[in-house]
Amino acid sequence: MTERITIIGSGPAGWTAAIYAARAELKPVVYEGAFNEENRQKGTLPLGQLSLTTEVENFPGFPFGDMTGYLDTSIEESKRKYMAPHGKHGVSGPELMELMRQQATNFGTRIVTDDIVDVDTSKRPFKLTTLGGETFESHAIIIAT
């Protein structure tokens, strides 16, 4: 199968690219990374470096103040139970990343929990290979890692 646009990375840049691509009806697919011990040790688990941040107060839309009520109703219970508790000020990194992930999926972004380990840009469409050994093609690639 040939993808229209493949986004590699699941931090703020990756999710922003996914939201805009999905709103433009480009049918993006995000390779968010693999949940494995090697990625955990490197600090490159899905949802980017913000997934390791306890409190975010300098991101647009998340001002200083009590965000508890908003977060309790905007993040699915199944996801909230795995997030570390934090103070009442701002939003935690994992919460912010989960909200961005949800917004991207709301617009139709497909998500694959795997790493891209090889990209061949010598000809179009580009050829990508995952850690799991899958090979596919894509007309465009955004590297947001």
N, C-alpha and C. Protein backbone atom coordinates (compact mmCIF):
# COMPACT_ATOMS: atom_id res chain seq x y z
N MET A 1 0.84 -1.18 0.00
CA MET A 1 0.00 0.00 0.00
C MET A 1 0.89 1.24 0.00
N THR A 2 0.48 2.27 -0.70
CA THR A 2 1.21 3.53 -0.72
C THR A 2 0.43 4.57 0.07
N GLU A 3 1.08 5.13 1.08
CA GLU A 3 0.48 6.18 1.91
C GLU A 3 0.63 7.52 1.20
N ARG A 4 -0.29 8.43 1.48
CA ARG A 4 -0.15 9.78 0.94
C ARG A 4 0.89 10.56 1.73
N ILE A 5 0.81 10.47 3.06
CA ILE A 5 1.76 11.19 3.91
C ILE A 5 2.02 10.39 5.17
N THR A 6 3.28 10.21 5.48
CA THR A 6 3.70 9.47 6.67
C THR A 6 4.44 10.43 7.59
N ILE A 7 4.03 10.45 8.85
CA ILE A 7 4.67 11.31 9.85
C ILE A 7 5.40 10.41 10.82
N ILE A 8 6.68 10.68 11.01
CA ILE A 8 7.51 9.90 11.92
C ILE A 8 7.75 10.76 13.15
N GLY A 9 7.21 10.33 14.29
CA GLY A 9 7.38 11.07 15.53
C GLY A 9 6.05 11.45 16.13
N SER A 10 5.99 11.42 17.47
CA SER A 10 4.71 11.67 18.14
C SER A 10 4.84 12.68 19.26
N GLY A 11 5.70 13.66 19.07
CA GLY A 11 5.76 14.79 19.98
C GLY A 11 4.87 15.90 19.44
N PRO A 12 5.00 17.11 19.98
CA PRO A 12 4.15 18.22 19.54
C PRO A 12 4.22 18.49 18.03
N ALA A 13 5.41 18.41 17.44
CA ALA A 13 5.53 18.67 16.00
C ALA A 13 4.83 17.59 15.18
N GLY A 14 4.97 16.34 15.58
CA GLY A 14 4.32 15.25 14.87
C GLY A 14 2.81 15.34 14.92
N TRP A 15 2.27 15.61 16.13
CA TRP A 15 0.80 15.69 16.26
C TRP A 15 0.26 16.93 15.56
N THR A 16 1.00 18.03 15.59
CA THR A 16 0.55 19.23 14.87
C THR A 16 0.51 18.97 13.38
N ALA A 17 1.54 18.33 12.85
CA ALA A 17 1.56 17.98 11.43
C ALA A 17 0.39 17.06 11.10
N ALA A 18 0.11 16.10 11.98
CA ALA A 18 -0.99 15.16 11.74
C ALA A 18 -2.33 15.87 11.73
N ILE A 19 -2.54 16.78 12.66
CA ILE A 19 -3.81 17.51 12.73
C ILE A 19 -4.04 18.30 11.44
N TYR A 20 -3.02 19.04 11.01
CA TYR A 20 -3.18 19.85 9.80
C TYR A 20 -3.31 18.99 8.55
N ALA A 21 -2.55 17.92 8.47
CA ALA A 21 -2.65 17.02 7.30
C ALA A 21 -4.03 16.36 7.25
N ALA A 22 -4.53 15.94 8.41
CA ALA A 22 -5.84 15.29 8.45
C ALA A 22 -6.95 16.29 8.09
N ARG A 23 -6.83 17.51 8.59
CA ARG A 23 -7.84 18.52 8.25
C ARG A 23 -7.82 18.85 6.76
N ALA A 24 -6.67 18.67 6.13
CA ALA A 24 -6.56 18.89 4.68
C ALA A 24 -6.94 17.63 3.90
N GLU A 25 -7.44 16.63 4.61
CA GLU A 25 -7.89 15.36 4.03
C GLU A 25 -6.78 14.62 3.29
N LEU A 26 -5.56 14.67 3.85
CA LEU A 26 -4.42 13.96 3.26
C LEU A 26 -4.25 12.55 3.82
N LYS A 27 -5.13 12.15 4.73
CA LYS A 27 -5.12 10.80 5.30
C LYS A 27 -3.75 10.42 5.88
N PRO A 28 -3.24 11.20 6.84
CA PRO A 28 -1.91 10.91 7.38
C PRO A 28 -1.88 9.66 8.25
N VAL A 29 -0.71 9.06 8.29
CA VAL A 29 -0.44 7.98 9.23
C VAL A 29 0.76 8.41 10.06
N VAL A 30 0.64 8.28 11.38
CA VAL A 30 1.72 8.64 12.30
C VAL A 30 2.35 7.36 12.83
N TYR A 31 3.65 7.26 12.68
CA TYR A 31 4.41 6.19 13.33
C TYR A 31 4.93 6.79 14.63
N GLU A 32 4.24 6.43 15.72
CA GLU A 32 4.51 7.09 17.00
C GLU A 32 5.70 6.51 17.75
N GLY A 33 6.27 5.42 17.27
CA GLY A 33 7.38 4.78 17.97
C GLY A 33 6.90 3.53 18.66
N ALA A 34 7.84 2.71 19.06
CA ALA A 34 7.53 1.44 19.70
C ALA A 34 7.69 1.55 21.21
N PHE A 35 6.82 0.86 21.93
CA PHE A 35 6.96 0.74 23.38
C PHE A 35 7.90 -0.43 23.64
N ASN A 36 9.18 -0.14 23.82
CA ASN A 36 10.11 -1.21 24.16
C ASN A 36 11.18 -0.68 25.11
N GLU A 37 11.93 -1.58 25.69
CA GLU A 37 12.91 -1.20 26.71
C GLU A 37 13.99 -0.29 26.14
N GLU A 38 14.44 -0.55 24.94
CA GLU A 38 15.48 0.29 24.33
C GLU A 38 15.00 1.74 24.20
N ASN A 39 13.78 1.93 23.72
CA ASN A 39 13.24 3.28 23.59
C ASN A 39 13.02 3.93 24.95
N ARG A 40 12.62 3.14 25.94
CA ARG A 40 12.45 3.69 27.29
C ARG A 40 13.77 4.22 27.82
N GLN A 41 14.83 3.44 27.66
CA GLN A 41 16.14 3.85 28.16
C GLN A 41 16.67 5.07 27.42
N LYS A 42 16.38 5.18 26.13
CA LYS A 42 16.82 6.33 25.34
C LYS A 42 15.94 7.56 25.56
N GLY A 43 14.79 7.37 26.21
CA GLY A 43 13.84 8.47 26.38
C GLY A 43 13.10 8.81 25.11
N THR A 44 12.90 7.80 24.24
CA THR A 44 12.22 8.04 22.96
C THR A 44 10.93 7.24 22.83
N LEU A 45 10.22 7.08 23.92
CA LEU A 45 8.93 6.40 23.87
C LEU A 45 7.92 7.25 23.11
N PRO A 46 6.83 6.64 22.64
CA PRO A 46 5.78 7.42 21.99
C PRO A 46 5.32 8.59 22.86
N LEU A 47 4.88 9.64 22.21
CA LEU A 47 4.39 10.90 22.77
C LEU A 47 5.51 11.89 23.06
N GLY A 48 6.73 11.59 22.64
CA GLY A 48 7.81 12.57 22.69
C GLY A 48 8.34 12.86 24.08
N GLN A 49 9.27 13.80 24.13
CA GLN A 49 9.92 14.17 25.38
C GLN A 49 8.94 14.75 26.39
N LEU A 50 7.86 15.37 25.90
CA LEU A 50 6.89 15.92 26.84
C LEU A 50 6.22 14.85 27.68
N SER A 51 6.28 13.61 27.24
CA SER A 51 5.68 12.53 28.04
C SER A 51 6.46 12.33 29.33
N LEU A 52 7.65 12.91 29.43
CA LEU A 52 8.47 12.80 30.64
C LEU A 52 8.40 14.05 31.50
N THR A 53 7.60 15.03 31.10
CA THR A 53 7.53 16.32 31.79
C THR A 53 6.34 16.35 32.73
N THR A 54 6.58 16.81 33.96
CA THR A 54 5.51 16.77 34.95
C THR A 54 4.54 17.93 34.86
N GLU A 55 5.00 19.13 34.51
CA GLU A 55 4.10 20.27 34.51
C GLU A 55 4.43 21.20 33.35
N VAL A 56 3.42 21.54 32.56
CA VAL A 56 3.60 22.43 31.41
C VAL A 56 2.70 23.64 31.64
N GLU A 57 3.30 24.82 31.70
CA GLU A 57 2.52 26.04 31.90
C GLU A 57 2.82 27.09 30.83
N ASN A 58 3.65 26.73 29.86
CA ASN A 58 4.04 27.72 28.85
C ASN A 58 3.64 27.28 27.44
N PHE A 59 2.60 26.49 27.34
CA PHE A 59 2.13 26.03 26.03
C PHE A 59 0.80 26.72 25.75
N PRO A 60 0.60 27.26 24.54
CA PRO A 60 -0.64 27.96 24.24
C PRO A 60 -1.88 27.12 24.57
N GLY A 61 -2.82 27.75 25.25
CA GLY A 61 -4.06 27.08 25.59
C GLY A 61 -4.05 26.39 26.93
N PHE A 62 -2.90 26.35 27.59
CA PHE A 62 -2.79 25.69 28.89
C PHE A 62 -2.15 26.65 29.87
N PRO A 63 -2.91 27.64 30.33
CA PRO A 63 -2.36 28.65 31.22
C PRO A 63 -2.18 28.12 32.64
N PHE A 64 -1.50 28.91 33.43
CA PHE A 64 -1.38 28.62 34.85
C PHE A 64 -2.78 28.60 35.44
N GLY A 65 -3.08 27.63 36.25
CA GLY A 65 -4.39 27.56 36.88
C GLY A 65 -4.84 26.12 37.00
N ASP A 66 -5.96 25.94 37.66
CA ASP A 66 -6.48 24.60 37.93
C ASP A 66 -7.12 24.02 36.67
N MET A 67 -6.50 22.99 36.12
CA MET A 67 -6.98 22.35 34.89
C MET A 67 -7.69 21.02 35.18
N THR A 68 -7.84 20.68 36.46
CA THR A 68 -8.35 19.36 36.83
C THR A 68 -9.68 19.03 36.17
N GLY A 69 -10.66 19.91 36.26
CA GLY A 69 -11.98 19.64 35.70
C GLY A 69 -11.94 19.40 34.21
N TYR A 70 -11.18 20.24 33.50
CA TYR A 70 -11.06 20.08 32.05
C TYR A 70 -10.42 18.75 31.70
N LEU A 71 -9.33 18.42 32.37
CA LEU A 71 -8.61 17.19 32.05
C LEU A 71 -9.44 15.95 32.39
N ASP A 72 -10.20 16.03 33.48
CA ASP A 72 -11.02 14.88 33.87
C ASP A 72 -12.08 14.54 32.83
N THR A 73 -12.52 15.53 32.08
CA THR A 73 -13.57 15.28 31.08
C THR A 73 -13.03 15.14 29.66
N SER A 74 -11.76 15.47 29.43
CA SER A 74 -11.26 15.45 28.06
C SER A 74 -10.33 14.29 27.73
N ILE A 75 -9.83 13.60 28.74
CA ILE A 75 -8.96 12.44 28.51
C ILE A 75 -9.71 11.20 28.96
N GLU A 76 -9.75 10.20 28.08
CA GLU A 76 -10.47 8.97 28.37
C GLU A 76 -9.98 8.34 29.68
N GLU A 77 -10.91 7.80 30.44
CA GLU A 77 -10.59 7.17 31.73
C GLU A 77 -9.53 6.09 31.56
N SER A 78 -9.63 5.31 30.50
CA SER A 78 -8.67 4.21 30.29
C SER A 78 -7.24 4.74 30.14
N LYS A 79 -7.07 5.97 29.66
CA LYS A 79 -5.74 6.56 29.50
C LYS A 79 -5.32 7.30 30.77
N ARG A 80 -6.28 7.97 31.44
CA ARG A 80 -5.97 8.76 32.63
C ARG A 80 -5.39 7.92 33.75
N LYS A 81 -5.85 6.70 33.89
CA LYS A 81 -5.41 5.89 35.03
C LYS A 81 -3.92 5.55 34.96
N TYR A 82 -3.29 5.70 33.80
CA TYR A 82 -1.87 5.42 33.67
C TYR A 82 -0.99 6.66 33.82
N MET A 83 -1.61 7.81 33.95
CA MET A 83 -0.85 9.06 34.04
C MET A 83 -0.54 9.37 35.50
N ALA A 84 0.67 9.85 35.72
CA ALA A 84 1.08 10.20 37.08
C ALA A 84 0.31 11.43 37.54
N PRO A 85 -0.05 11.46 38.83
CA PRO A 85 -0.74 12.64 39.35
C PRO A 85 0.22 13.84 39.34
N HIS A 86 -0.33 15.01 39.20
CA HIS A 86 0.49 16.21 39.23
C HIS A 86 -0.27 17.30 39.97
N GLY A 87 0.38 18.44 40.18
CA GLY A 87 -0.27 19.55 40.85
C GLY A 87 -1.45 20.06 40.05
N LYS A 88 -2.16 21.00 40.63
CA LYS A 88 -3.35 21.53 39.96
C LYS A 88 -3.02 22.62 38.95
N HIS A 89 -1.76 22.93 38.77
CA HIS A 89 -1.39 24.03 37.89
C HIS A 89 -0.94 23.51 36.53
N GLY A 90 -1.45 24.13 35.48
CA GLY A 90 -1.05 23.74 34.14
C GLY A 90 -1.55 22.35 33.78
N VAL A 91 -0.79 21.69 32.95
CA VAL A 91 -1.13 20.36 32.45
C VAL A 91 0.17 19.56 32.47
N SER A 92 0.08 18.27 32.67
CA SER A 92 1.30 17.46 32.63
C SER A 92 1.65 17.18 31.17
N GLY A 93 2.91 16.87 30.94
CA GLY A 93 3.35 16.54 29.58
C GLY A 93 2.56 15.39 28.97
N PRO A 94 2.41 14.26 29.70
CA PRO A 94 1.63 13.16 29.14
C PRO A 94 0.18 13.54 28.82
N GLU A 95 -0.43 14.38 29.67
CA GLU A 95 -1.80 14.80 29.39
C GLU A 95 -1.86 15.64 28.12
N LEU A 96 -0.94 16.57 27.97
CA LEU A 96 -0.91 17.41 26.78
C LEU A 96 -0.72 16.57 25.52
N MET A 97 0.20 15.62 25.58
CA MET A 97 0.46 14.78 24.41
C MET A 97 -0.75 13.89 24.09
N GLU A 98 -1.41 13.38 25.11
CA GLU A 98 -2.60 12.55 24.87
C GLU A 98 -3.72 13.38 24.26
N LEU A 99 -3.88 14.63 24.70
CA LEU A 99 -4.89 15.51 24.10
C LEU A 99 -4.58 15.77 22.63
N MET A 100 -3.31 16.01 22.31
CA MET A 100 -2.93 16.23 20.91
C MET A 100 -3.16 14.97 20.08
N ARG A 101 -2.84 13.83 20.66
CA ARG A 101 -3.05 12.54 19.97
C ARG A 101 -4.53 12.34 19.67
N GLN A 102 -5.38 12.62 20.68
CA GLN A 102 -6.82 12.47 20.49
C GLN A 102 -7.34 13.42 19.42
N GLN A 103 -6.84 14.66 19.40
CA GLN A 103 -7.29 15.61 18.39
C GLN A 103 -6.92 15.13 17.00
N ALA A 104 -5.72 14.59 16.85
CA ALA A 104 -5.30 14.07 15.54
C ALA A 104 -6.19 12.90 15.10
N THR A 105 -6.51 12.00 16.01
CA THR A 105 -7.36 10.86 15.64
C THR A 105 -8.79 11.31 15.37
N ASN A 106 -9.24 12.35 16.06
CA ASN A 106 -10.59 12.87 15.80
C ASN A 106 -10.74 13.33 14.36
N PHE A 107 -9.66 13.78 13.74
CA PHE A 107 -9.71 14.24 12.35
C PHE A 107 -9.35 13.13 11.36
N GLY A 108 -9.10 11.92 11.85
CA GLY A 108 -8.89 10.80 10.94
C GLY A 108 -7.46 10.31 10.80
N THR A 109 -6.55 10.78 11.62
CA THR A 109 -5.18 10.29 11.56
C THR A 109 -5.12 8.84 12.01
N ARG A 110 -4.41 8.02 11.25
CA ARG A 110 -4.15 6.64 11.67
C ARG A 110 -2.84 6.62 12.44
N ILE A 111 -2.78 5.77 13.45
CA ILE A 111 -1.59 5.70 14.30
C ILE A 111 -1.05 4.28 14.31
N VAL A 112 0.26 4.17 14.12
CA VAL A 112 0.93 2.88 14.18
C VAL A 112 1.98 2.97 15.28
N THR A 113 1.94 2.04 16.22
CA THR A 113 2.89 2.01 17.32
C THR A 113 4.07 1.13 16.93
N ASP A 114 4.97 1.73 16.17
CA ASP A 114 6.17 1.04 15.69
C ASP A 114 7.18 2.10 15.31
N ASP A 115 8.45 1.71 15.21
CA ASP A 115 9.51 2.62 14.79
C ASP A 115 9.77 2.46 13.30
N ILE A 116 10.13 3.55 12.65
CA ILE A 116 10.64 3.50 11.29
C ILE A 116 12.16 3.38 11.42
N VAL A 117 12.73 2.34 10.83
CA VAL A 117 14.17 2.11 10.98
C VAL A 117 14.96 2.39 9.71
N ASP A 118 14.26 2.54 8.58
CA ASP A 118 14.96 2.83 7.33
C ASP A 118 14.04 3.60 6.39
N VAL A 119 14.61 4.60 5.73
CA VAL A 119 13.88 5.39 4.74
C VAL A 119 14.75 5.49 3.50
N ASP A 120 14.20 5.07 2.36
CA ASP A 120 14.91 5.16 1.09
C ASP A 120 14.27 6.29 0.29
N THR A 121 15.00 7.39 0.15
CA THR A 121 14.48 8.56 -0.58
C THR A 121 15.09 8.68 -1.97
N SER A 122 15.70 7.61 -2.46
CA SER A 122 16.38 7.67 -3.76
C SER A 122 15.41 7.76 -4.93
N LYS A 123 14.17 7.35 -4.73
CA LYS A 123 13.15 7.47 -5.79
C LYS A 123 11.78 7.59 -5.14
N ARG A 124 10.84 8.08 -5.93
CA ARG A 124 9.46 8.24 -5.44
C ARG A 124 8.59 7.12 -5.97
N PRO A 125 7.60 6.68 -5.23
CA PRO A 125 7.37 7.04 -3.84
C PRO A 125 8.49 6.51 -2.94
N PHE A 126 8.63 7.16 -1.79
CA PHE A 126 9.68 6.78 -0.85
C PHE A 126 9.36 5.42 -0.23
N LYS A 127 10.39 4.69 0.12
CA LYS A 127 10.22 3.36 0.72
C LYS A 127 10.64 3.43 2.19
N LEU A 128 9.77 2.95 3.08
CA LEU A 128 10.03 2.96 4.51
C LEU A 128 9.97 1.55 5.07
N THR A 129 10.76 1.29 6.09
CA THR A 129 10.78 -0.02 6.74
C THR A 129 10.61 0.18 8.24
N THR A 130 9.74 -0.62 8.84
CA THR A 130 9.49 -0.53 10.28
C THR A 130 10.39 -1.48 11.06
N LEU A 131 10.47 -1.25 12.36
CA LEU A 131 11.21 -2.14 13.25
C LEU A 131 10.65 -3.56 13.16
N GLY A 132 9.34 -3.67 12.96
CA GLY A 132 8.68 -4.97 12.82
C GLY A 132 8.92 -5.65 11.48
N GLY A 133 9.63 -4.99 10.56
CA GLY A 133 9.97 -5.60 9.28
C GLY A 133 9.02 -5.29 8.14
N GLU A 134 7.96 -4.54 8.41
CA GLU A 134 7.02 -4.17 7.36
C GLU A 134 7.66 -3.12 6.45
N THR A 135 7.45 -3.25 5.16
CA THR A 135 7.93 -2.27 4.18
C THR A 135 6.72 -1.68 3.47
N PHE A 136 6.73 -0.36 3.30
CA PHE A 136 5.64 0.30 2.59
C PHE A 136 6.18 1.54 1.90
N GLU A 137 5.35 2.16 1.07
CA GLU A 137 5.74 3.36 0.34
C GLU A 137 4.88 4.54 0.77
N SER A 138 5.45 5.73 0.60
CA SER A 138 4.73 6.95 0.94
C SER A 138 5.13 8.05 -0.04
N HIS A 139 4.15 8.85 -0.45
CA HIS A 139 4.42 9.96 -1.37
C HIS A 139 5.13 11.11 -0.67
N ALA A 140 4.88 11.28 0.62
CA ALA A 140 5.50 12.36 1.39
C ALA A 140 5.83 11.85 2.79
N ILE A 141 6.90 12.41 3.36
CA ILE A 141 7.33 12.03 4.70
C ILE A 141 7.60 13.30 5.49
N ILE A 142 7.10 13.35 6.72
CA ILE A 142 7.47 14.41 7.66
C ILE A 142 8.21 13.73 8.79
N ILE A 143 9.45 14.14 9.00
CA ILE A 143 10.24 13.58 10.10
C ILE A 143 10.17 14.58 11.24
N ALA A 144 9.48 14.20 12.31
CA ALA A 144 9.24 15.07 13.45
C ALA A 144 9.74 14.39 14.72
N THR A 145 11.03 14.10 14.73
CA THR A 145 11.61 13.41 15.89
C THR A 145 12.61 14.29 16.60
